[in-house]
Each structure stands twice: as C-alpha cells, then as structure tokens.
C-alpha cells in the first residue's frame, strides 16, 4: 500500500501583517500561560523578520515577554539552547526579555 502525503511543504510562505497579528490570538493548552504559549508558537513558526514584527505587536499589547512555561523556563531561555537562534534571542532581549 502506498501512502500519500496530506500536505505539501510550503516554502517562502507569505506573512502579511494581519497573519502575524493573528498569532496574538493563539490559544494555549490547559495549564500553560497564554503569553508563554503565544510567544513560543510564534518563534517556532516565523522567520526572523516576522518574529520581530510579532514581538513588537506583542509588547504593544502589554503582553509578558518573560512569561514562564510549565517547567519554569521563559521563551528566551528556551531559545538560547537552540543553535542559530542568537538573532531571535536578541529580538526578545531588545524588548525586555530576561532569562
């Protein structure tokens, strides 16, 4: 039996300002702080320039860039464990994030 892929991988996806702002409404799983979840999902989904734009909207709404996940880590502390994430970490630090 040959299985067919459900979805094709999308490269160079277009991120409009509206789509970036839509991430502000991502709903967290139970027992996960909404600001932590939203920021982490944006980091995982966006290219650097879109993430930087998103963080600007996030902070403008008064959201918490230092929100902690269930394990007590901030998004910044998680990002800093990833290779090639220095620019993402710098965006968060520029907007007041700390470990």
N, C-alpha and C. Protein backbone atom coordinates (compact mmCIF):
# COMPACT_ATOMS: atom_id res chain seq x y z
N UNK A 1 0.84 -1.18 0.00
CA UNK A 1 0.00 0.00 0.00
C UNK A 1 0.88 1.25 0.00
N UNK A 2 0.59 2.18 -0.87
CA UNK A 2 1.34 3.43 -0.95
C UNK A 2 0.53 4.52 -0.26
N UNK A 3 1.18 5.19 0.67
CA UNK A 3 0.51 6.29 1.38
C UNK A 3 0.84 7.62 0.71
N UNK A 4 -0.13 8.47 0.66
CA UNK A 4 0.02 9.78 0.03
C UNK A 4 0.14 10.84 1.11
N UNK A 5 1.01 11.80 0.91
CA UNK A 5 1.15 12.90 1.86
C UNK A 5 -0.12 13.73 1.87
N UNK A 6 -0.52 14.17 3.06
CA UNK A 6 -1.69 15.03 3.19
C UNK A 6 -1.39 16.47 2.78
N UNK A 7 -0.20 16.93 3.13
CA UNK A 7 0.13 18.32 2.89
C UNK A 7 1.50 18.42 2.22
N UNK A 8 1.63 19.40 1.40
CA UNK A 8 2.92 19.70 0.80
C UNK A 8 3.64 20.71 1.68
N UNK A 9 4.93 20.62 1.74
CA UNK A 9 5.72 21.58 2.49
C UNK A 9 5.67 22.93 1.76
N UNK A 10 5.42 23.99 2.52
CA UNK A 10 5.31 25.32 1.93
C UNK A 10 6.61 26.07 2.21
N UNK A 11 7.24 26.55 1.16
CA UNK A 11 8.46 27.33 1.29
C UNK A 11 8.17 28.77 0.92
N UNK A 12 8.88 29.70 1.54
CA UNK A 12 8.71 31.13 1.27
C UNK A 12 7.26 31.56 1.44
N UNK A 13 6.68 31.12 2.52
CA UNK A 13 5.30 31.46 2.85
C UNK A 13 5.18 32.96 3.06
N UNK A 14 4.08 33.54 2.64
CA UNK A 14 3.85 34.98 2.78
C UNK A 14 3.23 35.26 4.14
N UNK A 15 3.87 36.15 4.88
CA UNK A 15 3.38 36.55 6.18
C UNK A 15 2.94 38.01 6.10
N UNK A 16 1.65 38.23 5.97
CA UNK A 16 1.13 39.59 5.96
C UNK A 16 1.08 40.09 7.40
N UNK A 17 0.93 41.40 7.56
CA UNK A 17 0.81 41.97 8.90
C UNK A 17 -0.37 41.35 9.64
N UNK A 18 -1.47 41.15 8.93
CA UNK A 18 -2.66 40.54 9.54
C UNK A 18 -2.38 39.13 10.04
N UNK A 19 -1.66 38.37 9.25
CA UNK A 19 -1.35 36.99 9.65
C UNK A 19 -0.43 36.97 10.87
N UNK A 20 0.54 37.89 10.89
CA UNK A 20 1.43 37.99 12.05
C UNK A 20 0.61 38.33 13.29
N UNK A 21 -0.30 39.29 13.17
CA UNK A 21 -1.13 39.70 14.31
C UNK A 21 -2.06 38.57 14.76
N UNK A 22 -2.47 37.71 13.85
CA UNK A 22 -3.34 36.59 14.22
C UNK A 22 -2.70 35.70 15.27
N UNK A 23 -1.38 35.64 15.30
CA UNK A 23 -0.69 34.82 16.29
C UNK A 23 -0.91 35.34 17.71
N UNK A 24 -1.32 36.58 17.85
CA UNK A 24 -1.62 37.12 19.18
C UNK A 24 -2.81 36.41 19.81
N UNK A 25 -3.60 35.73 19.01
CA UNK A 25 -4.81 35.06 19.48
C UNK A 25 -4.68 33.55 19.61
N UNK A 26 -3.47 33.03 19.49
CA UNK A 26 -3.26 31.59 19.62
C UNK A 26 -3.63 31.17 21.05
N UNK A 27 -4.45 30.16 21.15
CA UNK A 27 -4.93 29.69 22.46
C UNK A 27 -4.01 28.62 23.01
N UNK A 28 -3.67 28.73 24.29
CA UNK A 28 -2.78 27.74 24.90
C UNK A 28 -3.51 26.49 25.35
N UNK A 29 -2.73 25.46 25.58
CA UNK A 29 -3.27 24.25 26.19
C UNK A 29 -3.54 24.57 27.66
N UNK A 30 -4.30 23.71 28.30
CA UNK A 30 -4.58 23.91 29.72
C UNK A 30 -3.27 23.96 30.51
N UNK A 31 -3.28 24.75 31.56
CA UNK A 31 -2.13 24.86 32.48
C UNK A 31 -0.88 25.46 31.84
N UNK A 32 -1.03 26.16 30.71
CA UNK A 32 0.10 26.85 30.10
C UNK A 32 -0.27 28.32 30.01
N UNK A 33 0.62 29.16 30.52
CA UNK A 33 0.37 30.60 30.49
C UNK A 33 0.24 31.07 29.05
N UNK A 34 -0.80 31.83 28.77
CA UNK A 34 -1.13 32.24 27.40
C UNK A 34 0.02 33.01 26.74
N UNK A 35 0.66 33.95 27.44
CA UNK A 35 1.73 34.73 26.83
C UNK A 35 2.93 33.86 26.48
N UNK A 36 3.27 32.92 27.35
CA UNK A 36 4.37 32.00 27.06
C UNK A 36 4.06 31.18 25.80
N UNK A 37 2.88 30.60 25.77
CA UNK A 37 2.48 29.74 24.66
C UNK A 37 2.48 30.51 23.33
N UNK A 38 1.89 31.69 23.33
CA UNK A 38 1.79 32.51 22.13
C UNK A 38 3.17 32.87 21.60
N UNK A 39 4.04 33.32 22.49
CA UNK A 39 5.39 33.71 22.08
C UNK A 39 6.20 32.52 21.56
N UNK A 40 6.08 31.39 22.22
CA UNK A 40 6.80 30.20 21.78
C UNK A 40 6.32 29.73 20.41
N UNK A 41 5.01 29.72 20.21
CA UNK A 41 4.46 29.29 18.91
C UNK A 41 4.89 30.24 17.79
N UNK A 42 4.93 31.53 18.08
CA UNK A 42 5.39 32.49 17.07
C UNK A 42 6.85 32.23 16.71
N UNK A 43 7.69 31.99 17.71
CA UNK A 43 9.10 31.68 17.46
C UNK A 43 9.23 30.43 16.59
N UNK A 44 8.44 29.42 16.89
CA UNK A 44 8.53 28.15 16.16
C UNK A 44 8.04 28.28 14.71
N UNK A 45 7.14 29.21 14.45
CA UNK A 45 6.51 29.29 13.13
C UNK A 45 7.07 30.36 12.21
N UNK A 46 7.68 31.38 12.76
CA UNK A 46 8.01 32.56 11.96
C UNK A 46 9.48 32.68 11.62
N UNK A 47 9.72 33.32 10.48
CA UNK A 47 11.07 33.73 10.13
C UNK A 47 11.43 34.93 10.99
N UNK A 48 12.69 35.27 11.05
CA UNK A 48 13.17 36.32 11.94
C UNK A 48 12.44 37.64 11.75
N UNK A 49 12.30 38.10 10.50
CA UNK A 49 11.67 39.41 10.28
C UNK A 49 10.20 39.41 10.73
N UNK A 50 9.52 38.30 10.57
CA UNK A 50 8.13 38.21 11.02
C UNK A 50 8.05 38.12 12.53
N UNK A 51 8.99 37.40 13.13
CA UNK A 51 9.04 37.29 14.58
C UNK A 51 9.30 38.65 15.21
N UNK A 52 10.20 39.40 14.62
CA UNK A 52 10.50 40.73 15.15
C UNK A 52 9.25 41.63 15.10
N UNK A 53 8.53 41.56 14.00
CA UNK A 53 7.29 42.33 13.86
C UNK A 53 6.26 41.86 14.90
N UNK A 54 6.14 40.55 15.06
CA UNK A 54 5.20 39.99 16.02
C UNK A 54 5.52 40.45 17.44
N UNK A 55 6.78 40.39 17.84
CA UNK A 55 7.16 40.79 19.19
C UNK A 55 6.81 42.26 19.43
N UNK A 56 6.96 43.10 18.42
CA UNK A 56 6.55 44.50 18.54
C UNK A 56 5.07 44.62 18.86
N UNK A 57 4.23 43.86 18.15
CA UNK A 57 2.79 43.87 18.42
C UNK A 57 2.49 43.31 19.81
N UNK A 58 3.19 42.24 20.16
CA UNK A 58 3.02 41.55 21.44
C UNK A 58 3.28 42.51 22.60
N UNK A 59 4.40 43.20 22.53
CA UNK A 59 4.78 44.15 23.58
C UNK A 59 3.83 45.35 23.61
N UNK A 60 3.42 45.83 22.43
CA UNK A 60 2.50 46.97 22.35
C UNK A 60 1.17 46.65 23.04
N UNK A 61 0.79 45.39 23.05
CA UNK A 61 -0.44 44.98 23.74
C UNK A 61 -0.25 44.80 25.23
N UNK A 62 0.98 45.01 25.71
CA UNK A 62 1.25 44.86 27.13
C UNK A 62 1.41 43.42 27.58
N UNK A 63 1.73 42.55 26.63
CA UNK A 63 1.90 41.14 26.96
C UNK A 63 3.26 40.92 27.61
N UNK A 64 3.43 39.79 28.27
CA UNK A 64 4.60 39.49 29.09
C UNK A 64 5.64 38.67 28.33
N UNK A 65 6.75 39.31 27.93
CA UNK A 65 7.83 38.59 27.23
C UNK A 65 8.61 37.68 28.17
N UNK A 66 8.36 37.81 29.47
CA UNK A 66 9.05 36.97 30.46
C UNK A 66 8.13 35.92 31.07
N UNK A 67 7.02 35.64 30.40
CA UNK A 67 6.11 34.60 30.89
C UNK A 67 6.85 33.27 30.92
N UNK A 68 6.48 32.44 31.88
CA UNK A 68 7.16 31.16 32.05
C UNK A 68 6.24 30.00 31.68
N UNK A 69 6.88 28.96 31.15
CA UNK A 69 6.16 27.74 30.80
C UNK A 69 6.00 26.86 32.02
N UNK A 70 5.37 25.72 31.84
CA UNK A 70 5.13 24.80 32.95
C UNK A 70 6.41 24.35 33.66
N UNK A 71 7.52 24.35 32.93
CA UNK A 71 8.79 23.92 33.52
C UNK A 71 9.56 25.08 34.16
N UNK A 72 8.97 26.29 34.14
CA UNK A 72 9.60 27.46 34.77
C UNK A 72 10.55 28.22 33.87
N UNK A 73 10.70 27.80 32.63
CA UNK A 73 11.58 28.49 31.69
C UNK A 73 10.83 29.56 30.90
N UNK A 74 11.54 30.63 30.56
CA UNK A 74 10.98 31.64 29.67
C UNK A 74 11.26 31.21 28.23
N UNK A 75 10.59 31.86 27.30
CA UNK A 75 10.85 31.57 25.89
C UNK A 75 12.31 31.91 25.56
N UNK A 76 12.81 33.01 26.11
CA UNK A 76 14.21 33.38 25.87
C UNK A 76 15.16 32.29 26.32
N UNK A 77 14.94 31.73 27.50
CA UNK A 77 15.85 30.68 27.98
C UNK A 77 15.77 29.43 27.09
N UNK A 78 14.61 29.15 26.54
CA UNK A 78 14.48 28.01 25.62
C UNK A 78 15.19 28.30 24.31
N UNK A 79 14.96 29.49 23.77
CA UNK A 79 15.59 29.88 22.50
C UNK A 79 17.11 29.82 22.60
N UNK A 80 17.65 30.23 23.72
CA UNK A 80 19.11 30.27 23.87
C UNK A 80 19.74 28.88 23.85
N UNK A 81 18.95 27.83 23.98
CA UNK A 81 19.50 26.48 23.90
C UNK A 81 19.55 25.97 22.46
N UNK A 82 18.97 26.73 21.54
CA UNK A 82 18.93 26.33 20.14
C UNK A 82 20.09 26.92 19.36
N UNK A 83 20.66 26.13 18.50
CA UNK A 83 21.72 26.64 17.64
C UNK A 83 21.12 27.64 16.67
N UNK A 84 21.87 28.61 16.28
CA UNK A 84 21.47 29.60 15.27
C UNK A 84 20.23 30.40 15.68
N UNK A 85 20.07 30.64 16.96
CA UNK A 85 18.90 31.39 17.42
C UNK A 85 19.28 32.74 18.03
N UNK A 86 20.53 33.14 17.89
CA UNK A 86 21.00 34.37 18.52
C UNK A 86 20.19 35.59 18.12
N UNK A 87 19.81 35.68 16.86
CA UNK A 87 19.06 36.85 16.40
C UNK A 87 17.66 36.88 17.00
N UNK A 88 17.03 35.73 17.15
CA UNK A 88 15.72 35.66 17.79
C UNK A 88 15.84 36.07 19.27
N UNK A 89 16.87 35.58 19.94
CA UNK A 89 17.09 35.95 21.33
C UNK A 89 17.31 37.45 21.45
N UNK A 90 18.06 38.04 20.52
CA UNK A 90 18.32 39.48 20.55
C UNK A 90 17.02 40.27 20.40
N UNK A 91 16.10 39.80 19.58
CA UNK A 91 14.80 40.48 19.42
C UNK A 91 14.07 40.50 20.76
N UNK A 92 14.07 39.38 21.44
CA UNK A 92 13.39 39.32 22.75
C UNK A 92 14.08 40.20 23.77
N UNK A 93 15.40 40.15 23.82
CA UNK A 93 16.15 40.97 24.78
C UNK A 93 15.94 42.45 24.52
N UNK A 94 15.90 42.84 23.26
CA UNK A 94 15.67 44.24 22.90
C UNK A 94 14.30 44.72 23.39
N UNK A 95 13.39 43.77 23.57
CA UNK A 95 12.04 44.08 24.01
C UNK A 95 11.80 43.74 25.50
N UNK A 96 12.88 43.61 26.25
CA UNK A 96 12.78 43.47 27.69
C UNK A 96 12.81 42.06 28.25
N UNK A 97 13.05 41.07 27.43
CA UNK A 97 13.07 39.69 27.92
C UNK A 97 14.36 39.40 28.68
N UNK A 98 14.21 38.61 29.73
CA UNK A 98 15.36 38.14 30.51
C UNK A 98 15.20 36.65 30.71
N UNK A 99 16.29 36.02 31.12
CA UNK A 99 16.21 34.59 31.41
C UNK A 99 15.74 34.47 32.80
